[in-house]
N, C-alpha and C. Protein backbone atom coordinates (compact mmCIF):
# COMPACT_ATOMS: atom_id res chain seq x y z
N MET A 1 -13.12 -30.41 -20.21
CA MET A 1 -13.33 -29.50 -19.65
C MET A 1 -14.26 -28.58 -20.61
N GLU A 2 -15.57 -27.63 -20.95
CA GLU A 2 -15.93 -26.76 -21.77
C GLU A 2 -16.54 -25.69 -20.75
N MET A 3 -16.55 -24.66 -21.46
CA MET A 3 -16.85 -23.30 -21.07
C MET A 3 -16.52 -22.35 -21.84
N SER A 4 -17.64 -21.37 -21.76
CA SER A 4 -17.56 -20.05 -22.90
C SER A 4 -16.77 -19.63 -22.53
N ARG A 5 -16.13 -18.72 -23.41
CA ARG A 5 -15.21 -17.53 -23.14
C ARG A 5 -15.86 -16.55 -22.49
N GLU A 6 -16.90 -16.35 -22.55
CA GLU A 6 -17.79 -14.95 -21.44
C GLU A 6 -17.27 -15.44 -20.25
N ARG A 7 -18.27 -17.10 -20.13
CA ARG A 7 -18.21 -17.17 -18.34
C ARG A 7 -16.59 -17.24 -17.96
N PHE A 8 -15.56 -18.05 -18.80
CA PHE A 8 -14.30 -17.75 -18.40
C PHE A 8 -13.72 -16.28 -18.01
N GLU A 9 -14.35 -15.30 -18.82
CA GLU A 9 -13.96 -14.15 -18.55
C GLU A 9 -14.35 -13.55 -17.66
N GLU A 10 -15.49 -14.05 -17.23
CA GLU A 10 -16.44 -13.54 -15.68
C GLU A 10 -15.38 -14.25 -14.65
N LEU A 11 -14.97 -15.44 -14.46
CA LEU A 11 -14.28 -16.13 -13.65
C LEU A 11 -12.67 -15.21 -13.51
N VAL A 12 -11.99 -14.47 -14.26
CA VAL A 12 -11.00 -14.08 -14.20
C VAL A 12 -11.50 -12.61 -13.53
N GLY A 13 -12.44 -11.67 -13.95
CA GLY A 13 -12.99 -10.67 -13.16
C GLY A 13 -13.23 -11.10 -11.80
N ASP A 14 -14.01 -12.23 -11.25
CA ASP A 14 -14.29 -12.66 -10.31
C ASP A 14 -12.75 -12.73 -9.34
N ALA A 15 -11.73 -13.27 -9.78
CA ALA A 15 -10.14 -13.41 -9.63
C ALA A 15 -9.58 -12.06 -9.06
N LEU A 16 -9.88 -11.39 -9.92
CA LEU A 16 -9.20 -9.69 -9.59
C LEU A 16 -10.47 -9.44 -8.72
N ASP A 17 -11.48 -9.26 -8.45
CA ASP A 17 -12.36 -8.69 -7.19
C ASP A 17 -11.72 -9.46 -5.83
N GLU A 18 -11.27 -10.42 -6.06
CA GLU A 18 -10.85 -11.19 -4.74
C GLU A 18 -9.24 -10.63 -4.23
N VAL A 19 -8.53 -9.88 -4.99
CA VAL A 19 -7.18 -9.17 -4.74
C VAL A 19 -7.52 -8.16 -3.76
N PRO A 20 -7.02 -8.23 -3.34
CA PRO A 20 -7.26 -6.87 -1.93
C PRO A 20 -7.05 -5.56 -2.78
N GLU A 21 -8.10 -4.26 -2.18
CA GLU A 21 -7.98 -3.11 -2.94
C GLU A 21 -6.89 -2.63 -3.50
N GLU A 22 -6.01 -2.78 -1.88
CA GLU A 22 -4.68 -1.93 -1.68
C GLU A 22 -4.07 -2.16 -2.70
N LEU A 23 -3.83 -3.74 -2.82
CA LEU A 23 -2.80 -4.20 -3.62
C LEU A 23 -2.99 -4.37 -5.52
N LEU A 24 -4.05 -3.99 -5.51
CA LEU A 24 -5.01 -3.64 -7.18
C LEU A 24 -4.24 -2.07 -7.02
N ALA A 25 -4.26 -1.04 -6.25
CA ALA A 25 -3.98 0.12 -6.38
C ALA A 25 -2.77 0.21 -6.83
N LEU A 26 -1.56 -0.87 -6.32
CA LEU A 26 -0.56 -0.46 -6.51
C LEU A 26 0.11 -0.77 -8.01
N MET A 27 -0.65 -1.72 -8.27
CA MET A 27 -0.61 -2.17 -9.85
C MET A 27 -0.52 -0.90 -10.45
N SER A 28 0.95 -0.80 -11.42
CA SER A 28 0.86 0.29 -12.66
C SER A 28 1.47 0.23 -14.09
N ASN A 29 0.39 0.21 -14.98
CA ASN A 29 0.34 0.58 -16.32
C ASN A 29 0.65 -1.50 -16.61
N VAL A 30 -0.56 -1.63 -16.45
CA VAL A 30 -0.40 -3.40 -16.84
C VAL A 30 -1.93 -3.38 -17.08
N VAL A 31 -2.25 -4.23 -17.95
CA VAL A 31 -3.42 -4.92 -18.31
C VAL A 31 -3.46 -6.14 -18.39
N ILE A 32 -5.00 -6.74 -18.29
CA ILE A 32 -5.06 -8.40 -17.99
C ILE A 32 -6.20 -8.42 -19.23
N LEU A 33 -5.49 -9.58 -19.90
CA LEU A 33 -6.22 -10.23 -21.03
C LEU A 33 -6.14 -11.51 -21.33
N VAL A 34 -7.43 -12.00 -21.49
CA VAL A 34 -7.61 -13.50 -21.76
C VAL A 34 -7.62 -13.86 -23.24
N GLU A 35 -6.61 -14.70 -23.27
CA GLU A 35 -5.78 -15.21 -24.91
C GLU A 35 -6.50 -16.99 -24.74
N GLU A 36 -6.93 -17.45 -25.33
CA GLU A 36 -7.25 -18.86 -25.91
C GLU A 36 -5.67 -20.04 -25.83
N ASP A 37 -4.68 -19.39 -26.06
CA ASP A 37 -3.63 -20.30 -26.11
C ASP A 37 -2.34 -19.55 -25.92
N PRO A 38 -1.38 -20.13 -25.58
CA PRO A 38 -0.03 -19.57 -25.47
C PRO A 38 0.56 -19.82 -26.53
N PRO A 39 1.25 -18.87 -26.81
CA PRO A 39 2.40 -19.52 -28.21
C PRO A 39 2.70 -20.92 -28.39
N PRO A 40 2.82 -21.47 -29.49
CA PRO A 40 3.22 -22.40 -30.23
C PRO A 40 4.72 -23.18 -29.06
N GLY A 41 4.47 -24.11 -28.62
CA GLY A 41 5.55 -24.98 -27.80
C GLY A 41 5.54 -24.49 -26.28
N GLU A 42 4.81 -23.67 -26.12
CA GLU A 42 4.61 -23.15 -24.66
C GLU A 42 3.52 -23.63 -24.19
N ASP A 43 4.01 -24.35 -22.61
CA ASP A 43 3.20 -24.90 -21.66
C ASP A 43 2.61 -24.31 -20.52
N LEU A 44 1.59 -23.19 -21.04
CA LEU A 44 1.36 -22.03 -19.96
C LEU A 44 0.12 -21.95 -19.55
N LEU A 45 -0.39 -21.51 -18.10
CA LEU A 45 -1.23 -21.00 -18.11
C LEU A 45 -1.99 -19.49 -17.92
N GLY A 46 -0.89 -19.03 -17.56
CA GLY A 46 -0.60 -17.31 -17.97
C GLY A 46 0.60 -16.91 -18.02
N LEU A 47 0.75 -15.91 -18.46
CA LEU A 47 2.52 -15.30 -18.53
C LEU A 47 2.30 -13.77 -18.36
N TYR A 48 3.23 -13.50 -17.32
CA TYR A 48 2.98 -11.66 -17.14
C TYR A 48 4.11 -11.51 -18.24
N GLU A 49 4.29 -10.43 -18.87
CA GLU A 49 4.89 -9.87 -20.06
C GLU A 49 5.30 -8.40 -19.77
N GLY A 50 6.49 -8.02 -19.14
CA GLY A 50 6.63 -6.33 -18.91
C GLY A 50 7.93 -6.06 -18.08
N HIS A 51 7.75 -4.92 -17.57
CA HIS A 51 8.85 -4.68 -16.53
C HIS A 51 8.26 -5.00 -15.05
N ALA A 52 8.72 -5.56 -14.01
CA ALA A 52 8.36 -5.50 -12.88
C ALA A 52 8.47 -4.45 -11.85
N LEU A 53 7.43 -3.97 -11.31
CA LEU A 53 7.39 -2.39 -10.46
C LEU A 53 8.89 -2.67 -9.78
N THR A 54 9.50 -3.48 -9.62
CA THR A 54 10.95 -3.56 -8.85
C THR A 54 11.64 -3.52 -9.67
N GLU A 55 11.90 -3.28 -11.33
CA GLU A 55 12.36 -3.08 -11.91
C GLU A 55 12.40 -1.81 -12.64
N ARG A 56 11.74 -0.98 -12.15
CA ARG A 56 11.64 0.12 -12.58
C ARG A 56 11.98 1.29 -12.44
N GLY A 57 12.81 2.19 -13.11
CA GLY A 57 13.57 3.17 -12.28
C GLY A 57 13.47 4.20 -12.91
N TRP A 58 14.13 5.18 -12.92
CA TRP A 58 13.83 6.51 -12.62
C TRP A 58 13.37 6.93 -14.80
N ASP A 59 14.16 6.13 -15.62
CA ASP A 59 14.17 6.04 -17.14
C ASP A 59 12.49 5.25 -17.56
N TYR A 60 11.70 4.99 -16.51
CA TYR A 60 10.54 4.37 -17.18
C TYR A 60 9.40 4.85 -17.25
N ALA A 61 9.66 5.09 -19.10
CA ALA A 61 8.09 6.36 -19.11
C ALA A 61 7.80 5.97 -20.80
N GLY A 62 6.61 6.16 -20.91
CA GLY A 62 6.35 5.84 -22.47
C GLY A 62 6.66 4.88 -23.01
N VAL A 63 6.08 3.61 -22.20
CA VAL A 63 6.01 2.44 -22.48
C VAL A 63 5.08 1.91 -22.61
N LEU A 64 4.74 0.96 -23.38
CA LEU A 64 3.30 0.23 -23.29
C LEU A 64 2.92 -0.57 -22.19
N PRO A 65 1.73 -0.58 -21.69
CA PRO A 65 1.40 -1.31 -20.72
C PRO A 65 1.98 -2.88 -20.42
N ASP A 66 2.59 -3.12 -19.57
CA ASP A 66 2.75 -4.61 -19.17
C ASP A 66 1.47 -5.52 -19.34
N ARG A 67 1.72 -6.77 -19.65
CA ARG A 67 0.42 -7.44 -20.28
C ARG A 67 0.37 -8.88 -19.39
N ILE A 68 -0.84 -9.44 -18.44
CA ILE A 68 -0.98 -10.37 -17.71
C ILE A 68 -2.01 -10.91 -19.10
N LEU A 69 -1.17 -12.56 -19.23
CA LEU A 69 -2.13 -13.14 -20.25
C LEU A 69 -2.78 -14.50 -19.32
N ILE A 70 -3.88 -14.52 -19.40
CA ILE A 70 -4.55 -15.86 -18.75
C ILE A 70 -4.80 -16.77 -20.23
N TYR A 71 -4.23 -17.83 -20.00
CA TYR A 71 -4.49 -19.08 -21.14
C TYR A 71 -5.66 -19.78 -20.91
N ARG A 72 -6.48 -19.79 -21.73
CA ARG A 72 -8.13 -20.38 -21.38
C ARG A 72 -8.17 -21.73 -21.93
N ASN A 73 -7.73 -22.26 -22.71
CA ASN A 73 -7.71 -23.62 -22.91
C ASN A 73 -6.61 -24.47 -22.63
N PRO A 74 -5.66 -24.17 -22.28
CA PRO A 74 -4.63 -25.01 -20.95
C PRO A 74 -5.06 -25.18 -20.08
N ILE A 75 -6.16 -23.90 -19.27
CA ILE A 75 -6.49 -24.07 -18.06
C ILE A 75 -8.06 -25.38 -18.11
N LEU A 76 -8.42 -25.22 -19.04
CA LEU A 76 -10.01 -26.26 -19.44
C LEU A 76 -9.67 -27.42 -19.58
N ARG A 77 -7.79 -27.63 -19.81
CA ARG A 77 -7.64 -28.89 -20.32
C ARG A 77 -7.32 -29.68 -18.87
N ILE A 78 -6.70 -28.74 -18.04
CA ILE A 78 -6.63 -29.41 -16.75
C ILE A 78 -7.63 -29.44 -15.67
N CYS A 79 -8.75 -28.82 -15.72
CA CYS A 79 -9.76 -28.84 -14.55
C CYS A 79 -10.97 -30.38 -15.12
N ASP A 80 -11.54 -30.39 -14.12
CA ASP A 80 -12.57 -31.53 -14.12
C ASP A 80 -14.04 -30.77 -14.00
N GLY A 81 -14.04 -29.92 -13.85
CA GLY A 81 -15.26 -29.02 -13.55
C GLY A 81 -15.08 -27.92 -13.46
N ASP A 82 -16.48 -26.78 -12.69
CA ASP A 82 -16.33 -25.49 -12.67
C ASP A 82 -15.60 -24.81 -11.37
N GLU A 83 -15.64 -25.89 -10.46
CA GLU A 83 -15.24 -25.34 -9.18
C GLU A 83 -13.29 -25.45 -9.16
N ASP A 84 -13.20 -26.42 -10.13
CA ASP A 84 -11.62 -26.42 -10.54
C ASP A 84 -11.22 -25.50 -11.42
N VAL A 85 -12.06 -25.13 -12.31
CA VAL A 85 -11.36 -24.08 -13.22
C VAL A 85 -11.50 -22.57 -12.16
N VAL A 86 -12.38 -22.18 -11.36
CA VAL A 86 -12.32 -21.18 -10.54
C VAL A 86 -11.18 -21.28 -9.64
N ASP A 87 -10.61 -22.35 -9.39
CA ASP A 87 -9.65 -22.19 -8.48
C ASP A 87 -8.37 -22.11 -9.31
N GLU A 88 -8.62 -22.61 -10.44
CA GLU A 88 -7.20 -22.65 -11.08
C GLU A 88 -7.12 -20.99 -11.60
N VAL A 89 -8.26 -20.48 -12.25
CA VAL A 89 -7.98 -19.19 -12.83
C VAL A 89 -7.54 -18.12 -11.82
N ALA A 90 -8.16 -18.40 -10.38
CA ALA A 90 -7.55 -17.15 -9.20
C ALA A 90 -6.32 -17.68 -8.73
N VAL A 91 -5.82 -18.99 -8.95
CA VAL A 91 -4.57 -18.93 -8.49
C VAL A 91 -3.41 -18.29 -9.74
N THR A 92 -3.51 -18.67 -10.85
CA THR A 92 -3.06 -18.14 -12.08
C THR A 92 -2.79 -16.65 -12.17
N VAL A 93 -4.14 -16.13 -11.51
CA VAL A 93 -4.14 -14.46 -11.98
C VAL A 93 -3.09 -13.90 -10.51
N VAL A 94 -3.04 -14.48 -9.46
CA VAL A 94 -2.00 -13.98 -8.26
C VAL A 94 -0.91 -14.31 -8.68
N HIS A 95 -0.34 -15.49 -9.48
CA HIS A 95 0.42 -16.09 -9.73
C HIS A 95 1.05 -15.29 -10.52
N GLU A 96 0.38 -14.86 -11.66
CA GLU A 96 0.71 -13.57 -13.00
C GLU A 96 1.25 -12.12 -12.46
N ILE A 97 0.10 -11.79 -11.18
CA ILE A 97 0.29 -10.39 -10.69
C ILE A 97 1.41 -10.07 -9.90
N ALA A 98 1.88 -11.66 -8.86
CA ALA A 98 2.74 -11.74 -8.39
C ALA A 98 4.05 -11.31 -9.19
N HIS A 99 4.49 -11.45 -10.17
CA HIS A 99 5.53 -11.49 -11.17
C HIS A 99 4.97 -9.73 -11.26
N HIS A 100 4.38 -8.82 -11.24
CA HIS A 100 4.20 -7.50 -11.66
C HIS A 100 4.87 -6.91 -10.67
N PHE A 101 4.67 -7.53 -9.43
CA PHE A 101 5.46 -7.09 -8.23
C PHE A 101 6.61 -7.64 -8.06
N GLY A 102 7.45 -8.33 -8.90
CA GLY A 102 8.76 -8.80 -8.98
C GLY A 102 8.83 -9.83 -8.51
N ILE A 103 8.17 -11.01 -7.71
CA ILE A 103 8.09 -12.00 -7.23
C ILE A 103 8.24 -12.97 -8.19
N ASP A 104 9.27 -13.71 -8.22
CA ASP A 104 9.23 -14.90 -9.08
C ASP A 104 8.84 -16.10 -8.69
N ASP A 105 9.46 -17.25 -9.90
CA ASP A 105 8.43 -18.47 -9.42
C ASP A 105 9.30 -19.28 -8.55
N ALA A 106 10.71 -19.02 -7.92
CA ALA A 106 11.06 -19.80 -6.88
C ALA A 106 10.30 -19.37 -5.82
N ARG A 107 10.26 -17.83 -4.94
CA ARG A 107 9.69 -17.23 -3.93
C ARG A 107 8.02 -17.46 -4.17
N LEU A 108 7.37 -18.14 -4.98
CA LEU A 108 6.10 -18.02 -5.62
C LEU A 108 5.46 -19.92 -4.92
N HIS A 109 6.66 -20.46 -5.15
CA HIS A 109 6.65 -22.22 -4.94
C HIS A 109 6.61 -22.03 -3.43
N GLU A 110 7.93 -21.33 -2.85
CA GLU A 110 7.79 -21.11 -1.69
C GLU A 110 6.92 -20.95 -0.35
N LEU A 111 5.94 -19.87 -1.29
CA LEU A 111 5.05 -19.12 -0.84
C LEU A 111 3.33 -20.37 -0.91
N GLY A 112 3.65 -21.03 -2.01
CA GLY A 112 2.53 -22.21 -2.19
C GLY A 112 1.79 -21.92 -2.85
N TRP A 113 1.95 -21.47 -3.98
CA TRP A 113 1.72 -20.58 -5.14
C TRP A 113 2.00 -21.04 -6.45
N GLY A 114 2.72 -22.00 -6.37
CA GLY A 114 3.18 -22.46 -7.88
C GLY A 114 2.99 -23.87 -8.33
């Protein structure tokens, strides 16, 4: 599957637009970025790097923003068409945002997001 980076980034933006405003308002000190590929040897569609909201204590201050990385090439490799990409981007964005809120992979799988 091929898709321009610009179009892919639009789909990430569209996925974020679907997240309820109340939830987005609770997100704190986090940026969402599109990268071409995960680190070598990693088989990932997305990655959350940082300190989940549930792990932040009174001493959480002065740190760089958490990062949600959405990996373009791995997503495109597993998709057959534009509709598949739209769906996979949406699922990946929700999955990584959930990590920001302290929801682990096991719970995401239980909820049908894994």
